[in-house]
Amino acid sequence: MPVSFIVQMAVSGALMGLVYALVAYGFQLTYATSKSLNFGQGELVMVSAFATLSIMGTGLPYPLVVLLGLLFGALLGLAVERTGVRLALEQKSEGWILLTIIIGLFLFSFAENVWGRDDRPFPTPISSQPLNILGIDVTPVELSVAVGVLAVMLLVEAFKRTTLLGKAFEAVSADRDASELMGISATRTVMLSYALSGAVAALAGILVSPITTVGPTMASALVLKAFSVAVVAGLESGFGVVVVGLFLGALESLASFYVGSGWRDAPGLVLLILALAVRPTGVFGKAVIRKV
């Protein structure tokens, strides 16, 4: 087997793994401020992709369609926070786990009834003709995934580090009670984190749909792999999710070729089990010291 072919498969898989990293980054955004996760994040990806596809049918310019899709995702994230998370956090219960799962199931049913069960192609002005870069064939659509993922993650990190609102985000992440004593609204900060998480989910749907298709079942595969990436990397490391996402994507691609396509999902599950058993805080996570 030529080495170039193996490298080609690994690179193609790694680029897809960046989508897992982006969805996992959405998990990190909400966990940072509220220590809660939206287990319907995959459905946000799927519904936002369908909504963007519907907006595209109006004939608006593609950049405007993408912006409206991101706005839709942010509003959807806010809706999840308001209906499924806020009350549970106020009561200091773990009810958000079941509520976000229920919201995800509702969105799945909603998508099937509104857009149907069939997968649909997602048109894009970006070319799908392969480019040969250092002997590896990569399409501009695949490159747009890498550019989009890294750009949005850098923008969010810059926002958190350089703006007052971003510093409030960081303060609530560090200590919610202390930040409220300093006059920072933890509730609004959690809302912001869910809005950002929804926008990130929408971007993931917009980036991956031209490569695959848009369909109600696209959520289940994405969310499991993204959750594996988030847990393996650690729920507090943005750099970690990129590294683990690249690794998992490449590993999946190679596993599906050498072992069989039916084993494509196995690497993510194995990594998740190993992470939970050996290092629950994640490869790039830090151990938390609790005072008793």
C-alpha atoms as a PDB file:
ATOM      1  CA  MET A   1       0.000   0.000   0.000  1.00  0.00           C
ATOM      2  CA  PRO A   2       1.621   3.346  -1.057  1.00  0.00           C
ATOM      3  CA  VAL A   3       2.407   5.681   1.814  1.00  0.00           C
ATOM      4  CA  SER A   4       0.884   8.571  -0.154  1.00  0.00           C
ATOM      5  CA  PHE A   5      -2.492   6.798  -0.176  1.00  0.00           C
ATOM      6  CA  ILE A   6      -2.392   6.302   3.596  1.00  0.00           C
ATOM      7  CA  VAL A   7      -1.491   9.964   4.100  1.00  0.00           C
ATOM      8  CA  GLN A   8      -4.309  10.977   1.763  1.00  0.00           C
ATOM      9  CA  MET A   9      -6.867   9.053   3.785  1.00  0.00           C
ATOM     10  CA  ALA A  10      -5.509  10.373   7.082  1.00  0.00           C
ATOM     11  CA  VAL A  11      -5.652  14.002   5.896  1.00  0.00           C
ATOM     12  CA  SER A  12      -9.203  13.651   4.541  1.00  0.00           C
ATOM     13  CA  GLY A  13     -10.328  12.085   7.815  1.00  0.00           C
ATOM     14  CA  ALA A  14      -8.529  14.714   9.896  1.00  0.00           C
ATOM     15  CA  LEU A  15     -10.332  17.526   8.072  1.00  0.00           C
ATOM     16  CA  MET A  16     -13.648  15.877   8.905  1.00  0.00           C
ATOM     17  CA  GLY A  17     -12.430  15.525  12.477  1.00  0.00           C
ATOM     18  CA  LEU A  18     -12.271  19.316  12.697  1.00  0.00           C
ATOM     19  CA  VAL A  19     -16.071  19.338  12.472  1.00  0.00           C
ATOM     20  CA  TYR A  20     -16.189  17.066  15.521  1.00  0.00           C
ATOM     21  CA  ALA A  21     -13.836  19.511  17.228  1.00  0.00           C
ATOM     22  CA  LEU A  22     -16.138  22.435  16.428  1.00  0.00           C
ATOM     23  CA  VAL A  23     -19.201  20.704  17.889  1.00  0.00           C
ATOM     24  CA  ALA A  24     -17.093  19.695  20.909  1.00  0.00           C
ATOM     25  CA  TYR A  25     -16.084  23.338  21.303  1.00  0.00           C
ATOM     26  CA  GLY A  26     -19.781  24.136  21.658  1.00  0.00           C
ATOM     27  CA  PHE A  27     -19.892  21.716  24.595  1.00  0.00           C
ATOM     28  CA  GLN A  28     -16.943  23.529  26.150  1.00  0.00           C
ATOM     29  CA  LEU A  29     -18.555  26.959  25.843  1.00  0.00           C
ATOM     30  CA  THR A  30     -21.595  25.998  27.896  1.00  0.00           C
ATOM     31  CA  TYR A  31     -19.660  23.882  30.376  1.00  0.00           C
ATOM     32  CA  ALA A  32     -17.308  26.775  31.131  1.00  0.00           C
ATOM     33  CA  THR A  33     -20.030  29.082  32.461  1.00  0.00           C
ATOM     34  CA  SER A  34     -22.671  26.709  33.813  1.00  0.00           C
ATOM     35  CA  LYS A  35     -21.050  23.272  34.152  1.00  0.00           C
ATOM     36  CA  SER A  36     -23.887  22.026  31.952  1.00  0.00           C
ATOM     37  CA  LEU A  37     -23.932  20.441  28.505  1.00  0.00           C
ATOM     38  CA  ASN A  38     -26.532  20.549  25.780  1.00  0.00           C
ATOM     39  CA  PHE A  39     -27.076  16.899  24.892  1.00  0.00           C
ATOM     40  CA  GLY A  40     -29.194  18.101  21.982  1.00  0.00           C
ATOM     41  CA  GLN A  41     -26.214  19.852  20.384  1.00  0.00           C
ATOM     42  CA  GLY A  42     -26.285  17.508  17.399  1.00  0.00           C
ATOM     43  CA  GLU A  43     -29.902  18.430  16.721  1.00  0.00           C
ATOM     44  CA  LEU A  44     -28.918  22.111  16.775  1.00  0.00           C
ATOM     45  CA  VAL A  45     -26.381  21.325  14.047  1.00  0.00           C
ATOM     46  CA  MET A  46     -28.991  19.499  11.998  1.00  0.00           C
ATOM     47  CA  VAL A  47     -31.889  21.956  12.377  1.00  0.00           C
ATOM     48  CA  SER A  48     -29.606  24.954  11.726  1.00  0.00           C
ATOM     49  CA  ALA A  49     -28.352  23.278   8.545  1.00  0.00           C
ATOM     50  CA  PHE A  50     -31.942  22.680   7.389  1.00  0.00           C
ATOM     51  CA  ALA A  51     -32.901  26.272   8.239  1.00  0.00           C
ATOM     52  CA  THR A  52     -29.886  27.617   6.340  1.00  0.00           C
ATOM     53  CA  LEU A  53     -30.834  25.462   3.366  1.00  0.00           C
ATOM     54  CA  SER A  54     -34.357  26.929   3.452  1.00  0.00           C
ATOM     55  CA  ILE A  55     -32.977  30.484   3.647  1.00  0.00           C
ATOM     56  CA  MET A  56     -30.758  29.683   0.686  1.00  0.00           C
ATOM     57  CA  GLY A  57     -33.893  28.946  -1.335  1.00  0.00           C
ATOM     58  CA  THR A  58     -34.906  32.626  -1.100  1.00  0.00           C
ATOM     59  CA  GLY A  59     -32.070  33.585  -3.434  1.00  0.00           C
ATOM     60  CA  LEU A  60     -30.142  35.720  -0.951  1.00  0.00           C
ATOM     61  CA  PRO A  61     -26.348  36.044  -1.388  1.00  0.00           C
ATOM     62  CA  TYR A  62     -24.413  33.148   0.136  1.00  0.00           C
ATOM     63  CA  PRO A  63     -22.516  35.241   2.743  1.00  0.00           C
ATOM     64  CA  LEU A  64     -25.823  36.685   3.990  1.00  0.00           C
ATOM     65  CA  VAL A  65     -27.338  33.199   4.078  1.00  0.00           C
ATOM     66  CA  VAL A  66     -24.447  32.017   6.280  1.00  0.00           C
ATOM     67  CA  LEU A  67     -24.857  34.988   8.646  1.00  0.00           C
ATOM     68  CA  LEU A  68     -28.594  34.353   8.959  1.00  0.00           C
ATOM     69  CA  GLY A  69     -27.892  30.670   9.584  1.00  0.00           C
ATOM     70  CA  LEU A  70     -25.502  31.570  12.401  1.00  0.00           C
ATOM     71  CA  LEU A  71     -28.075  33.948  13.864  1.00  0.00           C
ATOM     72  CA  PHE A  72     -30.699  31.194  13.741  1.00  0.00           C
ATOM     73  CA  GLY A  73     -28.321  28.851  15.555  1.00  0.00           C
ATOM     74  CA  ALA A  74     -27.625  31.467  18.240  1.00  0.00           C
ATOM     75  CA  LEU A  75     -31.362  32.010  18.806  1.00  0.00           C
ATOM     76  CA  LEU A  76     -31.875  28.262  19.006  1.00  0.00           C
ATOM     77  CA  GLY A  77     -29.128  28.038  21.611  1.00  0.00           C
ATOM     78  CA  LEU A  78     -30.830  30.780  23.635  1.00  0.00           C
ATOM     79  CA  ALA A  79     -34.108  28.867  23.443  1.00  0.00           C
ATOM     80  CA  VAL A  80     -32.408  25.744  24.813  1.00  0.00           C
ATOM     81  CA  GLU A  81     -30.919  27.733  27.692  1.00  0.00           C
ATOM     82  CA  ARG A  82     -34.229  29.352  28.584  1.00  0.00           C
ATOM     83  CA  THR A  83     -36.437  26.271  28.348  1.00  0.00           C
ATOM     84  CA  GLY A  84     -34.131  23.449  29.343  1.00  0.00           C
ATOM     85  CA  VAL A  85     -31.275  24.759  31.453  1.00  0.00           C
ATOM     86  CA  ARG A  86     -32.003  27.930  33.404  1.00  0.00           C
ATOM     87  CA  LEU A  87     -34.602  26.591  35.845  1.00  0.00           C
ATOM     88  CA  ALA A  88     -32.507  23.479  36.578  1.00  0.00           C
ATOM     89  CA  LEU A  89     -29.449  25.625  37.300  1.00  0.00           C
ATOM     90  CA  GLU A  90     -31.435  27.940  39.560  1.00  0.00           C
ATOM     91  CA  GLN A  91     -32.641  24.913  41.515  1.00  0.00           C
ATOM     92  CA  LYS A  92     -29.102  23.483  41.480  1.00  0.00           C
ATOM     93  CA  SER A  93     -30.349  20.212  40.049  1.00  0.00           C
ATOM     94  CA  GLU A  94     -29.155  17.997  37.203  1.00  0.00           C
ATOM     95  CA  GLY A  95     -32.498  18.275  35.421  1.00  0.00           C
ATOM     96  CA  TRP A  96     -30.833  19.946  32.432  1.00  0.00           C
ATOM     97  CA  ILE A  97     -29.496  16.538  31.380  1.00  0.00           C
ATOM     98  CA  LEU A  98     -32.934  15.072  30.696  1.00  0.00           C
ATOM     99  CA  LEU A  99     -34.397  18.375  29.484  1.00  0.00           C
ATOM    100  CA  THR A 100     -31.740  18.940  26.808  1.00  0.00           C
ATOM    101  CA  ILE A 101     -32.169  15.341  25.629  1.00  0.00           C
ATOM    102  CA  ILE A 102     -35.943  15.917  25.359  1.00  0.00           C
ATOM    103  CA  ILE A 103     -35.395  19.160  23.442  1.00  0.00           C
ATOM    104  CA  GLY A 104     -33.091  17.281  21.070  1.00  0.00           C
ATOM    105  CA  LEU A 105     -35.754  14.630  20.465  1.00  0.00           C
ATOM    106  CA  PHE A 106     -38.322  17.358  19.840  1.00  0.00           C
ATOM    107  CA  LEU A 107     -36.048  19.060  17.299  1.00  0.00           C
ATOM    108  CA  PHE A 108     -35.490  15.715  15.560  1.00  0.00           C
ATOM    109  CA  SER A 109     -39.233  15.153  15.267  1.00  0.00           C
ATOM    110  CA  PHE A 110     -39.729  18.772  14.176  1.00  0.00           C
ATOM    111  CA  ALA A 111     -37.155  18.389  11.391  1.00  0.00           C
ATOM    112  CA  GLU A 112     -38.741  15.170  10.122  1.00  0.00           C
ATOM    113  CA  ASN A 113     -42.191  16.768   9.960  1.00  0.00           C
ATOM    114  CA  VAL A 114     -41.065  20.040   8.390  1.00  0.00           C
ATOM    115  CA  TRP A 115     -38.290  18.975   6.007  1.00  0.00           C
ATOM    116  CA  GLY A 116     -38.949  15.244   5.660  1.00  0.00           C
ATOM    117  CA  ARG A 117     -36.819  12.195   6.320  1.00  0.00           C
ATOM    118  CA  ASP A 118     -34.803  12.235   3.102  1.00  0.00           C
ATOM    119  CA  ASP A 119     -31.267  13.590   2.954  1.00  0.00           C
ATOM    120  CA  ARG A 120     -30.773  16.695   0.833  1.00  0.00           C
ATOM    121  CA  PRO A 121     -27.725  18.131  -0.928  1.00  0.00           C
ATOM    122  CA  PHE A 122     -26.396  21.430   0.386  1.00  0.00           C
ATOM    123  CA  PRO A 123     -25.332  23.748  -2.475  1.00  0.00           C
ATOM    124  CA  THR A 124     -22.221  25.856  -1.986  1.00  0.00           C
ATOM    125  CA  PRO A 125     -20.334  28.286  -4.243  1.00  0.00           C
ATOM    126  CA  ILE A 126     -17.056  26.757  -3.056  1.00  0.00           C
ATOM    127  CA  SER A 127     -15.511  24.438  -5.636  1.00  0.00           C
ATOM    128  CA  SER A 128     -15.340  20.703  -5.025  1.00  0.00           C
ATOM    129  CA  GLN A 129     -12.591  20.116  -7.586  1.00  0.00           C
ATOM    130  CA  PRO A 130      -9.529  18.634  -5.874  1.00  0.00           C
ATOM    131  CA  LEU A 131      -6.317  20.604  -5.520  1.00  0.00           C
ATOM    132  CA  ASN A 132      -2.965  18.847  -5.288  1.00  0.00           C
ATOM    133  CA  ILE A 133      -1.040  20.236  -2.319  1.00  0.00           C
ATOM    134  CA  LEU A 134       2.299  18.554  -1.605  1.00  0.00           C
ATOM    135  CA  GLY A 135       1.066  15.420  -3.343  1.00  0.00           C
ATOM    136  CA  ILE A 136      -2.223  15.280  -1.412  1.00  0.00           C
ATOM    137  CA  ASP A 137      -5.597  15.904  -3.067  1.00  0.00           C
ATOM    138  CA  VAL A 138      -7.718  18.304  -1.018  1.00  0.00           C
ATOM    139  CA  THR A 139     -10.875  20.030  -2.196  1.00  0.00           C
ATOM    140  CA  PRO A 140     -11.588  23.715  -1.466  1.00  0.00           C
ATOM    141  CA  VAL A 141     -14.730  22.582   0.376  1.00  0.00           C
ATOM    142  CA  GLU A 142     -12.588  20.520   2.748  1.00  0.00           C
ATOM    143  CA  LEU A 143     -10.173  23.420   3.170  1.00  0.00           C
ATOM    144  CA  SER A 144     -13.112  25.703   3.998  1.00  0.00           C
ATOM    145  CA  VAL A 145     -13.885  23.403   6.925  1.00  0.00           C
ATOM    146  CA  ALA A 146     -10.388  23.882   8.345  1.00  0.00           C
ATOM    147  CA  VAL A 147     -10.463  27.646   7.776  1.00  0.00           C
ATOM    148  CA  GLY A 148     -13.952  28.065   9.226  1.00  0.00           C
ATOM    149  CA  VAL A 149     -13.302  25.937  12.314  1.00  0.00           C
ATOM    150  CA  LEU A 150      -9.990  27.572  13.211  1.00  0.00           C
ATOM    151  CA  ALA A 151     -11.273  31.074  12.446  1.00  0.00           C
ATOM    152  CA  VAL A 152     -14.363  30.860  14.649  1.00  0.00           C
ATOM    153  CA  MET A 153     -12.462  29.293  17.533  1.00  0.00           C
ATOM    154  CA  LEU A 154      -9.772  32.002  17.357  1.00  0.00           C
ATOM    155  CA  LEU A 155     -12.440  34.722  17.184  1.00  0.00           C
ATOM    156  CA  VAL A 156     -14.283  33.379  20.232  1.00  0.00           C
ATOM    157  CA  GLU A 157     -11.042  33.050  22.199  1.00  0.00           C
ATOM    158  CA  ALA A 158     -10.048  36.605  21.215  1.00  0.00           C
ATOM    159  CA  PHE A 159     -13.500  37.813  22.291  1.00  0.00           C
ATOM    160  CA  LYS A 160     -13.127  36.152  25.691  1.00  0.00           C
ATOM    161  CA  ARG A 161      -9.664  37.611  26.268  1.00  0.00           C
ATOM    162  CA  THR A 162      -9.961  41.171  24.913  1.00  0.00           C
ATOM    163  CA  THR A 163     -13.515  42.423  25.553  1.00  0.00           C
ATOM    164  CA  LEU A 164     -15.291  43.331  28.785  1.00  0.00           C
ATOM    165  CA  LEU A 165     -18.100  40.910  28.007  1.00  0.00           C
ATOM    166  CA  GLY A 166     -15.518  38.244  27.295  1.00  0.00           C
ATOM    167  CA  LYS A 167     -13.772  38.908  30.592  1.00  0.00           C
ATOM    168  CA  ALA A 168     -17.127  38.510  32.338  1.00  0.00           C
ATOM    169  CA  PHE A 169     -17.382  35.159  30.560  1.00  0.00           C
ATOM    170  CA  GLU A 170     -13.979  34.182  31.937  1.00  0.00           C
ATOM    171  CA  ALA A 171     -14.878  35.415  35.430  1.00  0.00           C
ATOM    172  CA  VAL A 172     -18.042  33.318  35.589  1.00  0.00           C
ATOM    173  CA  SER A 173     -16.041  30.353  34.281  1.00  0.00           C
ATOM    174  CA  ALA A 174     -13.537  30.744  37.114  1.00  0.00           C
ATOM    175  CA  ASP A 175     -15.995  31.323  39.975  1.00  0.00           C
ATOM    176  CA  ARG A 176     -19.685  31.963  39.427  1.00  0.00           C
ATOM    177  CA  ASP A 177     -20.473  33.033  42.996  1.00  0.00           C
ATOM    178  CA  ALA A 178     -17.516  35.427  43.233  1.00  0.00           C
ATOM    179  CA  SER A 179     -18.337  36.984  39.856  1.00  0.00           C
ATOM    180  CA  GLU A 180     -21.924  37.667  40.960  1.00  0.00           C
ATOM    181  CA  LEU A 181     -20.591  39.399  44.081  1.00  0.00           C
ATOM    182  CA  MET A 182     -18.564  41.630  41.742  1.00  0.00           C
ATOM    183  CA  GLY A 183     -21.724  42.660  39.882  1.00  0.00           C
ATOM    184  CA  ILE A 184     -21.515  40.287  36.916  1.00  0.00           C
ATOM    185  CA  SER A 185     -24.782  38.682  35.842  1.00  0.00           C
ATOM    186  CA  ALA A 186     -24.109  34.963  35.712  1.00  0.00           C
ATOM    187  CA  THR A 187     -27.491  34.330  34.071  1.00  0.00           C
ATOM    188  CA  ARG A 188     -26.731  36.632  31.147  1.00  0.00           C
ATOM    189  CA  THR A 189     -23.275  35.135  30.800  1.00  0.00           C
ATOM    190  CA  VAL A 190     -24.745  31.633  30.618  1.00  0.00           C
ATOM    191  CA  MET A 191     -27.177  32.925  27.988  1.00  0.00           C
ATOM    192  CA  LEU A 192     -24.211  34.258  26.015  1.00  0.00           C
ATOM    193  CA  SER A 193     -22.428  30.921  26.231  1.00  0.00           C
ATOM    194  CA  TYR A 194     -25.482  29.069  24.904  1.00  0.00           C
ATOM    195  CA  ALA A 195     -25.924  31.611  22.106  1.00  0.00           C
ATOM    196  CA  LEU A 196     -22.286  31.177  21.085  1.00  0.00           C
ATOM    197  CA  SER A 197     -22.662  27.409  21.334  1.00  0.00           C
ATOM    198  CA  GLY A 198     -25.728  27.538  19.068  1.00  0.00           C
ATOM    199  CA  ALA A 199     -23.887  29.684  16.508  1.00  0.00           C
ATOM    200  CA  VAL A 200     -20.953  27.265  16.585  1.00  0.00           C
ATOM    201  CA  ALA A 201     -23.371  24.354  16.015  1.00  0.00           C
ATOM    202  CA  ALA A 202     -24.901  26.190  13.050  1.00  0.00           C
ATOM    203  CA  LEU A 203     -21.464  26.793  11.554  1.00  0.00           C
ATOM    204  CA  ALA A 204     -20.630  23.097  11.951  1.00  0.00           C
ATOM    205  CA  GLY A 205     -23.801  22.214  10.037  1.00  0.00           C
ATOM    206  CA  ILE A 206     -23.039  24.733   7.275  1.00  0.00           C
ATOM    207  CA  LEU A 207     -19.468  23.469   6.895  1.00  0.00           C
ATOM    208  CA  VAL A 208     -20.131  19.723   6.939  1.00  0.00           C
ATOM    209  CA  SER A 209     -23.347  19.643   4.870  1.00  0.00           C
ATOM    210  CA  PRO A 210     -21.720  20.321   1.453  1.00  0.00           C
ATOM    211  CA  ILE A 211     -19.397  17.355   2.073  1.00  0.00           C
ATOM    212  CA  THR A 212     -22.103  14.985   3.281  1.00  0.00           C
ATOM    213  CA  THR A 213     -25.797  15.879   3.058  1.00  0.00           C
ATOM    214  CA  VAL A 214     -28.448  17.457   5.268  1.00  0.00           C
ATOM    215  CA  GLY A 215     -30.730  14.953   6.970  1.00  0.00           C
ATOM    216  CA  PRO A 216     -32.403  14.267  10.320  1.00  0.00           C
ATOM    217  CA  THR A 217     -29.970  11.441  11.106  1.00  0.00           C
ATOM    218  CA  MET A 218     -26.835  13.549  10.690  1.00  0.00           C
ATOM    219  CA  ALA A 219     -27.155  14.682  14.326  1.00  0.00           C
ATOM    220  CA  SER A 220     -26.738  11.299  16.011  1.00  0.00           C
ATOM    221  CA  ALA A 221     -23.389  10.518  14.406  1.00  0.00           C
ATOM    222  CA  LEU A 222     -21.951  13.984  14.983  1.00  0.00           C
ATOM    223  CA  VAL A 223     -22.907  14.421  18.626  1.00  0.00           C
ATOM    224  CA  LEU A 224     -21.459  11.086  19.794  1.00  0.00           C
ATOM    225  CA  LYS A 225     -18.108  11.735  18.132  1.00  0.00           C
ATOM    226  CA  ALA A 226     -18.035  15.355  19.284  1.00  0.00           C
ATOM    227  CA  PHE A 227     -18.790  14.276  22.855  1.00  0.00           C
ATOM    228  CA  SER A 228     -15.954  11.759  22.649  1.00  0.00           C
ATOM    229  CA  VAL A 229     -13.604  14.516  21.456  1.00  0.00           C
ATOM    230  CA  ALA A 230     -14.715  16.860  24.262  1.00  0.00           C
ATOM    231  CA  VAL A 231     -14.257  14.249  26.989  1.00  0.00           C
ATOM    232  CA  VAL A 232     -10.952  12.891  25.671  1.00  0.00           C
ATOM    233  CA  ALA A 233      -9.494  16.390  25.225  1.00  0.00           C
ATOM    234  CA  GLY A 234     -10.961  17.801  28.419  1.00  0.00           C
ATOM    235  CA  LEU A 235     -13.931  20.103  28.782  1.00  0.00           C
ATOM    236  CA  GLU A 236     -11.718  23.142  29.337  1.00  0.00           C
ATOM    237  CA  SER A 237      -9.171  22.961  26.503  1.00  0.00           C
ATOM    238  CA  GLY A 238      -9.951  24.572  23.149  1.00  0.00           C
ATOM    239  CA  PHE A 239      -6.544  23.571  21.787  1.00  0.00           C
ATOM    240  CA  GLY A 240      -7.137  20.025  22.985  1.00  0.00           C
ATOM    241  CA  VAL A 241     -10.357  19.525  21.023  1.00  0.00           C
ATOM    242  CA  VAL A 242      -8.593  20.528  17.799  1.00  0.00           C
ATOM    243  CA  VAL A 243      -5.767  18.031  18.383  1.00  0.00           C
ATOM    244  CA  VAL A 244      -8.095  15.198  19.435  1.00  0.00           C
ATOM    245  CA  GLY A 245     -10.555  16.010  16.625  1.00  0.00           C
ATOM    246  CA  LEU A 246      -7.796  15.779  14.009  1.00  0.00           C
ATOM    247  CA  PHE A 247      -6.532  12.532  15.530  1.00  0.00           C
ATOM    248  CA  LEU A 248      -9.982  10.927  15.773  1.00  0.00           C
ATOM    249  CA  GLY A 249     -10.930  11.903  12.218  1.00  0.00           C
ATOM    250  CA  ALA A 250      -7.720  10.423  10.808  1.00  0.00           C
ATOM    251  CA  LEU A 251      -8.102   7.283  12.933  1.00  0.00           C
ATOM    252  CA  GLU A 252     -11.699   6.770  11.773  1.00  0.00           C
ATOM    253  CA  SER A 253     -10.722   7.065   8.133  1.00  0.00           C
ATOM    254  CA  LEU A 254      -7.897   4.545   8.468  1.00  0.00           C
ATOM    255  CA  ALA A 255     -10.005   2.159  10.575  1.00  0.00           C
ATOM    256  CA  SER A 256     -12.832   2.141   8.031  1.00  0.00           C
ATOM    257  CA  PHE A 257     -10.351   1.200   5.283  1.00  0.00           C
ATOM    258  CA  TYR A 258      -8.283  -1.424   7.084  1.00  0.00           C
ATOM    259  CA  VAL A 259     -10.946  -2.982   9.320  1.00  0.00           C
ATOM    260  CA  GLY A 260     -14.201  -2.147   7.508  1.00  0.00           C
ATOM    261  CA  SER A 261     -16.697   0.702   7.264  1.00  0.00           C
ATOM    262  CA  GLY A 262     -18.819  -0.911   9.969  1.00  0.00           C
ATOM    263  CA  TRP A 263     -16.023  -0.188  12.464  1.00  0.00           C
ATOM    264  CA  ARG A 264     -15.770   3.503  11.610  1.00  0.00           C
ATOM    265  CA  ASP A 265     -17.376   4.622  14.880  1.00  0.00           C
ATOM    266  CA  ALA A 266     -15.318   2.254  17.042  1.00  0.00           C
ATOM    267  CA  PRO A 267     -12.227   4.505  17.557  1.00  0.00           C
ATOM    268  CA  GLY A 268     -14.313   7.286  19.113  1.00  0.00           C
ATOM    269  CA  LEU A 269     -15.994   4.897  21.518  1.00  0.00           C
ATOM    270  CA  VAL A 270     -12.692   3.257  22.474  1.00  0.00           C
ATOM    271  CA  LEU A 271     -11.078   6.651  23.132  1.00  0.00           C
ATOM    272  CA  LEU A 272     -14.086   7.716  25.213  1.00  0.00           C
ATOM    273  CA  ILE A 273     -13.949   4.571  27.366  1.00  0.00           C
ATOM    274  CA  LEU A 274     -10.193   4.892  27.865  1.00  0.00           C
ATOM    275  CA  ALA A 275     -10.466   8.564  28.789  1.00  0.00           C
ATOM    276  CA  LEU A 276     -13.205   7.953  31.342  1.00  0.00           C
ATOM    277  CA  ALA A 277     -11.333   5.002  32.839  1.00  0.00           C
ATOM    278  CA  VAL A 278      -7.793   6.413  32.882  1.00  0.00           C
ATOM    279  CA  ARG A 279      -8.047  10.214  32.847  1.00  0.00           C
ATOM    280  CA  PRO A 280     -11.586  11.538  33.457  1.00  0.00           C
ATOM    281  CA  THR A 281     -10.396  15.169  33.276  1.00  0.00           C
ATOM    282  CA  GLY A 282      -9.182  14.612  29.719  1.00  0.00           C
ATOM    283  CA  VAL A 283      -5.758  14.460  28.099  1.00  0.00           C
ATOM    284  CA  PHE A 284      -5.422  18.250  28.160  1.00  0.00           C
ATOM    285  CA  GLY A 285      -7.552  18.804  31.262  1.00  0.00           C
ATOM    286  CA  LYS A 286      -6.300  19.826  34.669  1.00  0.00           C
ATOM    287  CA  ALA A 287      -7.008  17.967  37.865  1.00  0.00           C
ATOM    288  CA  VAL A 288      -9.352  19.879  40.153  1.00  0.00           C
ATOM    289  CA  ILE A 289      -8.382  20.158  43.810  1.00  0.00           C
ATOM    290  CA  ARG A 290     -11.428  20.411  46.029  1.00  0.00           C
ATOM    291  CA  LYS A 291     -11.276  21.891  49.504  1.00  0.00           C
ATOM    292  CA  VAL A 292     -13.224  19.986  52.119  1.00  0.00           C
END
